Amino acid sequence: MKTGVSFFCPAYNDQDNIRSTVENVIGTLESLEQDYEIIIVEDGSPDGTAEVADALAKEYPGVNVIHHKTNRGYGGALRSGFCHAVSFDKVAYTDGDGQYDFAEFTLLLQAYDSGCAVAGYRLNRADSRKRVIQTGIFGLLLKLLFRLNVRDVNCSMKLFSRETLSDIVITSDSAFIDAEILIKLQRNGVDIRQVGVHHRPRLHGIASGAKL
């Protein structure tokens, strides 16, 4: 398999966010001298996200767009991204809403070794207190039920080995998808490393509410 990064991002109601997100990813991967593909998973947005995504694909040769005719939700968008991100030996994703600075992907890459997974955790999280509490409870339940000792399961800055992802079957179309992947990788003996990344307020649009 070719050495490089297959990157994808789900995008829903992100017409004002997706361009800056994708251009940040392109700049970061090119500065790291990584070969790459970028896949925008446009999840049936009612705004102009699809048009902006298609314009990016025309402008940048390494960008492709997957269109969902109807909204499949955050988990469904991630699952679609994982299914299509197959060209390179590493798979990474973040959200299309600009709440993460993809320049910090450098930190994930520094922590990465072939065959492992690197999960980000949010520093100074820019979410409501209610959502932070929900995430904490969810993480505790996963630790008790599955012995999954991951600090921030649903942080949307992750890096995987394509080979180890190919060894599991992803079935979830819900917000549980992050947990499902990490649980199955852990059961397969994959080393899951953790790195702190900064989290910013969403500048444009309204969050879907499906993420924890």
Foldseek 3Di string as FASTA:
>chain_A
DAAFEEEEAEDAQQLVQQVVVVVLVVVLRVVVVGDYAYEYEDFCHPDCNVVSLVVVVVVDVRYDYHYDVHGLDDLQSVVVSLVPRQDHFKYWYAYRQPFFRCNCVVVVVVVDDAQAKEAEDEDPAPDDPVVVVVQVVVQVVCCVPQVQPDDGQQHRTMMGGNVLQVVDDQDDSALCRSVVSSSVSVVVVHHYHYHYGYTHDRPDDDDPPRYD
